[in-house]
């Protein structure tokens, strides 16, 4: 993925933080546009998501969901229909996570090397949750529903694992040699690499490549 539209569609199709506010889709594309502008020429986005961003040590807010008793949810109000405080996030082939926020008078993007992440800790309650990302520098949390938080945590953990393995393609090292029914090893990375070459040569579309990658991840 390279464009804001592709990141937005990926987020919607994979249910990674889609917001129901009437301005939500427009704002999410704006957040992803900031990320698109921050990408290097050869850099691509492996996965993207949306969530409410909070730097560690930031100001606490009252909770709007009294039924959720997680420590994070007690301090924060998150809403399906709210847009305040939401950011776009992307994990890229340059082994970094970029998070960005757009507003009419100010927008910025921050990037953190995946090698600087030393802990990714999801904390979920009855409805809401948060994933705390601890780094050697600044740490932050991403808030959303518990199902989305679990997906986000898995994506970040996978990105860290891929970074350590030297393969920034969204397929973990353990998946590259899964056994098929006949017991022979199957190189999922090679299949994904073939798909990427087909995409680069114009033989398949970006959507078809994303579907291939998702299918390999689910096998």
C-alpha atoms as a PDB file:
ATOM      1  CA  UNK A   1       0.000   0.000   0.000  1.00  0.00           C
ATOM      2  CA  UNK A   2       1.168   3.500  -0.802  1.00  0.00           C
ATOM      3  CA  UNK A   3      -1.854   5.799  -0.822  1.00  0.00           C
ATOM      4  CA  UNK A   4      -4.191   7.159   1.832  1.00  0.00           C
ATOM      5  CA  UNK A   5      -7.146   5.591   0.021  1.00  0.00           C
ATOM      6  CA  UNK A   6      -5.533   2.138   0.118  1.00  0.00           C
ATOM      7  CA  UNK A   7      -4.778   2.473   3.835  1.00  0.00           C
ATOM      8  CA  UNK A   8      -8.331   3.590   4.515  1.00  0.00           C
ATOM      9  CA  UNK A   9      -9.815   0.677   2.545  1.00  0.00           C
ATOM     10  CA  UNK A  10      -7.476  -1.784   4.299  1.00  0.00           C
ATOM     11  CA  UNK A  11      -8.649  -0.460   7.664  1.00  0.00           C
ATOM     12  CA  UNK A  12     -12.307  -0.805   6.705  1.00  0.00           C
ATOM     13  CA  UNK A  13     -12.011  -4.251   5.125  1.00  0.00           C
ATOM     14  CA  UNK A  14     -10.095  -5.639   8.101  1.00  0.00           C
ATOM     15  CA  UNK A  15     -12.214  -3.819  10.724  1.00  0.00           C
ATOM     16  CA  UNK A  16      -9.233  -2.056  12.251  1.00  0.00           C
ATOM     17  CA  UNK A  17     -10.847   0.984  13.805  1.00  0.00           C
ATOM     18  CA  UNK A  18     -13.494   2.207  11.374  1.00  0.00           C
ATOM     19  CA  UNK A  19     -15.368   5.181  12.867  1.00  0.00           C
ATOM     20  CA  UNK A  20     -19.134   5.665  12.430  1.00  0.00           C
ATOM     21  CA  UNK A  21     -19.147   9.455  12.739  1.00  0.00           C
ATOM     22  CA  UNK A  22     -20.282  11.160   9.534  1.00  0.00           C
ATOM     23  CA  UNK A  23     -16.875  12.877   9.362  1.00  0.00           C
ATOM     24  CA  UNK A  24     -14.987   9.728  10.355  1.00  0.00           C
ATOM     25  CA  UNK A  25     -14.113   8.411   6.864  1.00  0.00           C
ATOM     26  CA  UNK A  26     -13.030  11.850   5.652  1.00  0.00           C
ATOM     27  CA  UNK A  27     -10.848  12.460   8.709  1.00  0.00           C
ATOM     28  CA  UNK A  28      -9.304   8.993   8.569  1.00  0.00           C
ATOM     29  CA  UNK A  29      -8.257   9.585   4.977  1.00  0.00           C
ATOM     30  CA  UNK A  30      -6.737  12.887   6.088  1.00  0.00           C
ATOM     31  CA  UNK A  31      -4.729  11.121   8.811  1.00  0.00           C
ATOM     32  CA  UNK A  32      -3.548   8.537   6.288  1.00  0.00           C
ATOM     33  CA  UNK A  33      -2.682  11.293   3.811  1.00  0.00           C
ATOM     34  CA  UNK A  34      -0.195  12.645   6.353  1.00  0.00           C
ATOM     35  CA  UNK A  35       1.326   9.155   6.524  1.00  0.00           C
ATOM     36  CA  UNK A  36       1.400   8.888   2.734  1.00  0.00           C
ATOM     37  CA  UNK A  37       3.295  12.178   2.557  1.00  0.00           C
ATOM     38  CA  UNK A  38       5.812  10.868   5.115  1.00  0.00           C
ATOM     39  CA  UNK A  39       6.626   7.672   3.181  1.00  0.00           C
ATOM     40  CA  UNK A  40       9.930   7.331   1.368  1.00  0.00           C
ATOM     41  CA  UNK A  41       9.829   6.763  -2.390  1.00  0.00           C
ATOM     42  CA  UNK A  42      10.481   3.019  -2.105  1.00  0.00           C
ATOM     43  CA  UNK A  43       8.610   2.531   1.173  1.00  0.00           C
ATOM     44  CA  UNK A  44       5.301   0.682   1.361  1.00  0.00           C
ATOM     45  CA  UNK A  45       2.725   0.163   4.082  1.00  0.00           C
ATOM     46  CA  UNK A  46       2.256  -3.422   5.258  1.00  0.00           C
ATOM     47  CA  UNK A  47      -0.680  -2.800   7.582  1.00  0.00           C
ATOM     48  CA  UNK A  48      -2.690   0.180   8.793  1.00  0.00           C
ATOM     49  CA  UNK A  49      -5.188   0.913  11.543  1.00  0.00           C
ATOM     50  CA  UNK A  50      -6.999   3.714  13.364  1.00  0.00           C
ATOM     51  CA  UNK A  51      -7.363   4.337  17.089  1.00  0.00           C
ATOM     52  CA  UNK A  52      -7.485   6.971  19.771  1.00  0.00           C
ATOM     53  CA  UNK A  53      -3.942   7.989  20.602  1.00  0.00           C
ATOM     54  CA  UNK A  54      -2.613   8.888  24.028  1.00  0.00           C
ATOM     55  CA  UNK A  55       1.046   9.554  24.854  1.00  0.00           C
ATOM     56  CA  UNK A  56       1.983   8.024  28.184  1.00  0.00           C
ATOM     57  CA  UNK A  57       1.853  10.684  30.862  1.00  0.00           C
ATOM     58  CA  UNK A  58      -0.866  12.582  28.980  1.00  0.00           C
ATOM     59  CA  UNK A  59      -3.874  14.153  30.623  1.00  0.00           C
ATOM     60  CA  UNK A  60      -6.508  11.750  31.905  1.00  0.00           C
ATOM     61  CA  UNK A  61     -10.087  12.077  30.732  1.00  0.00           C
ATOM     62  CA  UNK A  62     -13.337  10.910  32.321  1.00  0.00           C
ATOM     63  CA  UNK A  63     -14.724   7.620  31.123  1.00  0.00           C
ATOM     64  CA  UNK A  64     -17.951   7.449  29.156  1.00  0.00           C
ATOM     65  CA  UNK A  65     -18.429   3.684  29.580  1.00  0.00           C
ATOM     66  CA  UNK A  66     -18.958   2.803  33.215  1.00  0.00           C
ATOM     67  CA  UNK A  67     -19.456  -0.887  32.363  1.00  0.00           C
ATOM     68  CA  UNK A  68     -15.852  -1.310  31.272  1.00  0.00           C
ATOM     69  CA  UNK A  69     -13.468  -1.671  34.180  1.00  0.00           C
ATOM     70  CA  UNK A  70     -10.065  -1.828  32.477  1.00  0.00           C
ATOM     71  CA  UNK A  71      -7.598   0.705  33.911  1.00  0.00           C
ATOM     72  CA  UNK A  72      -7.328   2.422  30.534  1.00  0.00           C
ATOM     73  CA  UNK A  73     -11.068   2.591  29.942  1.00  0.00           C
ATOM     74  CA  UNK A  74     -11.655   4.099  33.376  1.00  0.00           C
ATOM     75  CA  UNK A  75      -9.558   7.078  32.350  1.00  0.00           C
ATOM     76  CA  UNK A  76     -10.735   7.572  28.781  1.00  0.00           C
ATOM     77  CA  UNK A  77     -13.938   8.047  26.870  1.00  0.00           C
ATOM     78  CA  UNK A  78     -13.987   6.324  23.487  1.00  0.00           C
ATOM     79  CA  UNK A  79     -17.014   6.408  21.227  1.00  0.00           C
ATOM     80  CA  UNK A  80     -18.078   4.778  17.987  1.00  0.00           C
ATOM     81  CA  UNK A  81     -19.232   8.227  16.885  1.00  0.00           C
ATOM     82  CA  UNK A  82     -16.412  10.389  18.248  1.00  0.00           C
ATOM     83  CA  UNK A  83     -13.427  11.646  16.266  1.00  0.00           C
ATOM     84  CA  UNK A  84     -11.415  13.543  18.875  1.00  0.00           C
ATOM     85  CA  UNK A  85      -7.919  12.240  19.481  1.00  0.00           C
ATOM     86  CA  UNK A  86      -7.955   9.625  16.716  1.00  0.00           C
ATOM     87  CA  UNK A  87      -4.809   8.954  14.690  1.00  0.00           C
ATOM     88  CA  UNK A  88      -3.877   6.906  11.667  1.00  0.00           C
ATOM     89  CA  UNK A  89      -1.129   4.297  12.079  1.00  0.00           C
ATOM     90  CA  UNK A  90       0.965   2.346   9.592  1.00  0.00           C
ATOM     91  CA  UNK A  91       3.619  -0.365   9.789  1.00  0.00           C
ATOM     92  CA  UNK A  92       5.979  -0.105   6.835  1.00  0.00           C
ATOM     93  CA  UNK A  93       8.638  -1.976   4.914  1.00  0.00           C
ATOM     94  CA  UNK A  94      11.221   0.409   6.385  1.00  0.00           C
ATOM     95  CA  UNK A  95      10.797  -1.380   9.727  1.00  0.00           C
ATOM     96  CA  UNK A  96       9.010   1.470  11.434  1.00  0.00           C
ATOM     97  CA  UNK A  97       5.594   2.398  12.727  1.00  0.00           C
ATOM     98  CA  UNK A  98       4.256   5.796  11.689  1.00  0.00           C
ATOM     99  CA  UNK A  99       1.372   7.499  13.456  1.00  0.00           C
ATOM    100  CA  UNK A 100      -0.177  10.728  12.248  1.00  0.00           C
ATOM    101  CA  UNK A 101      -2.942  13.193  13.012  1.00  0.00           C
ATOM    102  CA  UNK A 102      -4.466  15.800  10.725  1.00  0.00           C
ATOM    103  CA  UNK A 103      -6.248  18.961  11.812  1.00  0.00           C
ATOM    104  CA  UNK A 104      -7.167  22.070   9.805  1.00  0.00           C
ATOM    105  CA  UNK A 105      -4.300  24.138  11.184  1.00  0.00           C
ATOM    106  CA  UNK A 106      -1.732  21.525  12.114  1.00  0.00           C
ATOM    107  CA  UNK A 107      -0.753  18.009  11.146  1.00  0.00           C
ATOM    108  CA  UNK A 108       2.274  15.913  11.899  1.00  0.00           C
ATOM    109  CA  UNK A 109       3.638  12.390  11.653  1.00  0.00           C
ATOM    110  CA  UNK A 110       5.869  10.571  14.117  1.00  0.00           C
ATOM    111  CA  UNK A 111       7.833   7.452  13.293  1.00  0.00           C
ATOM    112  CA  UNK A 112       9.415   4.922  15.631  1.00  0.00           C
ATOM    113  CA  UNK A 113      11.747   2.118  14.504  1.00  0.00           C
ATOM    114  CA  UNK A 114      10.221  -1.251  15.308  1.00  0.00           C
ATOM    115  CA  UNK A 115      13.538  -2.231  16.860  1.00  0.00           C
ATOM    116  CA  UNK A 116      12.888   0.405  19.554  1.00  0.00           C
ATOM    117  CA  UNK A 117       9.695  -1.293  20.727  1.00  0.00           C
ATOM    118  CA  UNK A 118      10.341  -3.352  23.837  1.00  0.00           C
ATOM    119  CA  UNK A 119       6.788  -4.177  24.942  1.00  0.00           C
ATOM    120  CA  UNK A 120       3.354  -4.371  23.298  1.00  0.00           C
ATOM    121  CA  UNK A 121       0.726  -4.993  25.942  1.00  0.00           C
ATOM    122  CA  UNK A 122      -3.019  -5.242  25.155  1.00  0.00           C
ATOM    123  CA  UNK A 123      -5.407  -4.568  28.047  1.00  0.00           C
ATOM    124  CA  UNK A 124      -9.085  -5.244  27.327  1.00  0.00           C
ATOM    125  CA  UNK A 125     -12.304  -5.042  29.299  1.00  0.00           C
ATOM    126  CA  UNK A 126     -15.938  -5.845  28.592  1.00  0.00           C
ATOM    127  CA  UNK A 127     -16.251  -3.459  25.631  1.00  0.00           C
ATOM    128  CA  UNK A 128     -13.214  -1.220  25.323  1.00  0.00           C
ATOM    129  CA  UNK A 129      -9.505  -1.777  25.534  1.00  0.00           C
ATOM    130  CA  UNK A 130      -6.079  -0.342  24.885  1.00  0.00           C
ATOM    131  CA  UNK A 131      -2.741  -1.557  23.646  1.00  0.00           C
ATOM    132  CA  UNK A 132       0.232   0.052  25.353  1.00  0.00           C
ATOM    133  CA  UNK A 133       3.336   0.369  23.210  1.00  0.00           C
ATOM    134  CA  UNK A 134       6.507   0.878  25.217  1.00  0.00           C
ATOM    135  CA  UNK A 135       9.669   2.069  23.481  1.00  0.00           C
ATOM    136  CA  UNK A 136      13.151   3.119  24.494  1.00  0.00           C
ATOM    137  CA  UNK A 137      11.933   6.694  24.112  1.00  0.00           C
ATOM    138  CA  UNK A 138       8.334   7.852  24.199  1.00  0.00           C
ATOM    139  CA  UNK A 139       5.567   5.354  24.895  1.00  0.00           C
ATOM    140  CA  UNK A 140       1.923   5.568  23.893  1.00  0.00           C
ATOM    141  CA  UNK A 141      -1.398   3.740  24.023  1.00  0.00           C
ATOM    142  CA  UNK A 142      -4.010   3.107  21.337  1.00  0.00           C
ATOM    143  CA  UNK A 143      -7.651   2.863  22.471  1.00  0.00           C
ATOM    144  CA  UNK A 144     -10.599   1.241  20.710  1.00  0.00           C
ATOM    145  CA  UNK A 145     -12.963  -1.719  21.146  1.00  0.00           C
ATOM    146  CA  UNK A 146     -11.447  -4.858  22.630  1.00  0.00           C
ATOM    147  CA  UNK A 147     -11.628  -6.840  19.369  1.00  0.00           C
ATOM    148  CA  UNK A 148      -9.852  -4.081  17.438  1.00  0.00           C
ATOM    149  CA  UNK A 149      -7.259  -3.657  20.192  1.00  0.00           C
ATOM    150  CA  UNK A 150      -6.391  -7.348  20.008  1.00  0.00           C
ATOM    151  CA  UNK A 151      -5.953  -7.117  16.232  1.00  0.00           C
ATOM    152  CA  UNK A 152      -3.799  -4.008  16.558  1.00  0.00           C
ATOM    153  CA  UNK A 153      -1.583  -5.655  19.177  1.00  0.00           C
ATOM    154  CA  UNK A 154      -1.131  -8.684  16.919  1.00  0.00           C
ATOM    155  CA  UNK A 155      -0.179  -6.499  13.943  1.00  0.00           C
ATOM    156  CA  UNK A 156       2.418  -4.573  15.947  1.00  0.00           C
ATOM    157  CA  UNK A 157       3.845  -7.736  17.505  1.00  0.00           C
ATOM    158  CA  UNK A 158       4.051  -9.302  14.057  1.00  0.00           C
ATOM    159  CA  UNK A 159       5.832  -6.221  12.724  1.00  0.00           C
ATOM    160  CA  UNK A 160       8.406  -6.425  15.511  1.00  0.00           C
ATOM    161  CA  UNK A 161       8.906 -10.136  14.808  1.00  0.00           C
ATOM    162  CA  UNK A 162       9.314  -9.540  11.068  1.00  0.00           C
ATOM    163  CA  UNK A 163      11.777  -6.733  11.750  1.00  0.00           C
ATOM    164  CA  UNK A 164      13.941  -9.062  13.825  1.00  0.00           C
ATOM    165  CA  UNK A 165      13.755 -11.729  11.110  1.00  0.00           C
ATOM    166  CA  UNK A 166      14.635  -9.224   8.405  1.00  0.00           C
ATOM    167  CA  UNK A 167      11.411  -9.840   6.455  1.00  0.00           C
ATOM    168  CA  UNK A 168       9.075  -6.854   6.384  1.00  0.00           C
ATOM    169  CA  UNK A 169       6.280  -8.457   4.391  1.00  0.00           C
ATOM    170  CA  UNK A 170       3.571  -9.172   6.955  1.00  0.00           C
ATOM    171  CA  UNK A 171       4.346 -12.895   7.132  1.00  0.00           C
ATOM    172  CA  UNK A 172       6.104 -14.126  10.258  1.00  0.00           C
ATOM    173  CA  UNK A 173       9.136 -16.364   9.986  1.00  0.00           C
ATOM    174  CA  UNK A 174       7.305 -19.308  11.556  1.00  0.00           C
ATOM    175  CA  UNK A 175       4.677 -19.145   8.802  1.00  0.00           C
ATOM    176  CA  UNK A 176       7.144 -19.363   5.934  1.00  0.00           C
ATOM    177  CA  UNK A 177       7.688 -23.098   6.305  1.00  0.00           C
ATOM    178  CA  UNK A 178       4.271 -24.366   7.381  1.00  0.00           C
ATOM    179  CA  UNK A 179       3.551 -27.989   6.502  1.00  0.00           C
ATOM    180  CA  UNK A 180       0.754 -28.734   4.074  1.00  0.00           C
ATOM    181  CA  UNK A 181      -1.375 -31.864   4.208  1.00  0.00           C
ATOM    182  CA  UNK A 182       1.212 -34.058   2.478  1.00  0.00           C
ATOM    183  CA  UNK A 183       3.852 -33.077   5.037  1.00  0.00           C
ATOM    184  CA  UNK A 184       6.053 -31.190   2.573  1.00  0.00           C
ATOM    185  CA  UNK A 185       7.214 -27.732   3.703  1.00  0.00           C
ATOM    186  CA  UNK A 186       5.488 -24.825   2.022  1.00  0.00           C
ATOM    187  CA  UNK A 187       7.332 -21.544   1.639  1.00  0.00           C
ATOM    188  CA  UNK A 188       4.629 -18.926   2.160  1.00  0.00           C
ATOM    189  CA  UNK A 189       7.180 -16.150   1.862  1.00  0.00           C
ATOM    190  CA  UNK A 190       8.102 -17.327  -1.644  1.00  0.00           C
ATOM    191  CA  UNK A 191       4.430 -17.314  -2.636  1.00  0.00           C
ATOM    192  CA  UNK A 192       4.015 -13.795  -1.302  1.00  0.00           C
ATOM    193  CA  UNK A 193       7.181 -12.691  -3.083  1.00  0.00           C
ATOM    194  CA  UNK A 194       5.824 -14.080  -6.359  1.00  0.00           C
ATOM    195  CA  UNK A 195       2.622 -12.158  -5.770  1.00  0.00           C
ATOM    196  CA  UNK A 196       4.608  -8.962  -5.158  1.00  0.00           C
ATOM    197  CA  UNK A 197       6.484  -9.433  -8.424  1.00  0.00           C
ATOM    198  CA  UNK A 198       3.178  -9.933 -10.232  1.00  0.00           C
ATOM    199  CA  UNK A 199       1.902  -6.701  -8.668  1.00  0.00           C
ATOM    200  CA  UNK A 200       5.036  -4.788  -9.672  1.00  0.00           C
ATOM    201  CA  UNK A 201       4.721  -6.099 -13.234  1.00  0.00           C
ATOM    202  CA  UNK A 202       1.085  -5.047 -13.460  1.00  0.00           C
ATOM    203  CA  UNK A 203      -0.226  -8.609 -13.687  1.00  0.00           C
ATOM    204  CA  UNK A 204      -2.480  -8.249 -10.640  1.00  0.00           C
ATOM    205  CA  UNK A 205      -4.053  -5.300  -8.840  1.00  0.00           C
ATOM    206  CA  UNK A 206      -3.187  -4.002  -5.377  1.00  0.00           C
ATOM    207  CA  UNK A 207      -6.510  -5.361  -4.105  1.00  0.00           C
ATOM    208  CA  UNK A 208      -5.712  -8.824  -5.471  1.00  0.00           C
ATOM    209  CA  UNK A 209      -2.267  -8.730  -3.857  1.00  0.00           C
ATOM    210  CA  UNK A 210      -3.784  -7.696  -0.505  1.00  0.00           C
ATOM    211  CA  UNK A 211      -6.264 -10.580  -0.762  1.00  0.00           C
ATOM    212  CA  UNK A 212      -3.410 -13.006  -1.479  1.00  0.00           C
ATOM    213  CA  UNK A 213      -1.453 -11.764   1.531  1.00  0.00           C
ATOM    214  CA  UNK A 214      -4.487 -12.016   3.797  1.00  0.00           C
ATOM    215  CA  UNK A 215      -5.202 -15.560   2.589  1.00  0.00           C
ATOM    216  CA  UNK A 216      -1.622 -16.642   3.298  1.00  0.00           C
ATOM    217  CA  UNK A 217      -1.784 -15.078   6.757  1.00  0.00           C
ATOM    218  CA  UNK A 218      -4.981 -16.986   7.519  1.00  0.00           C
ATOM    219  CA  UNK A 219      -3.676 -20.385   6.401  1.00  0.00           C
END
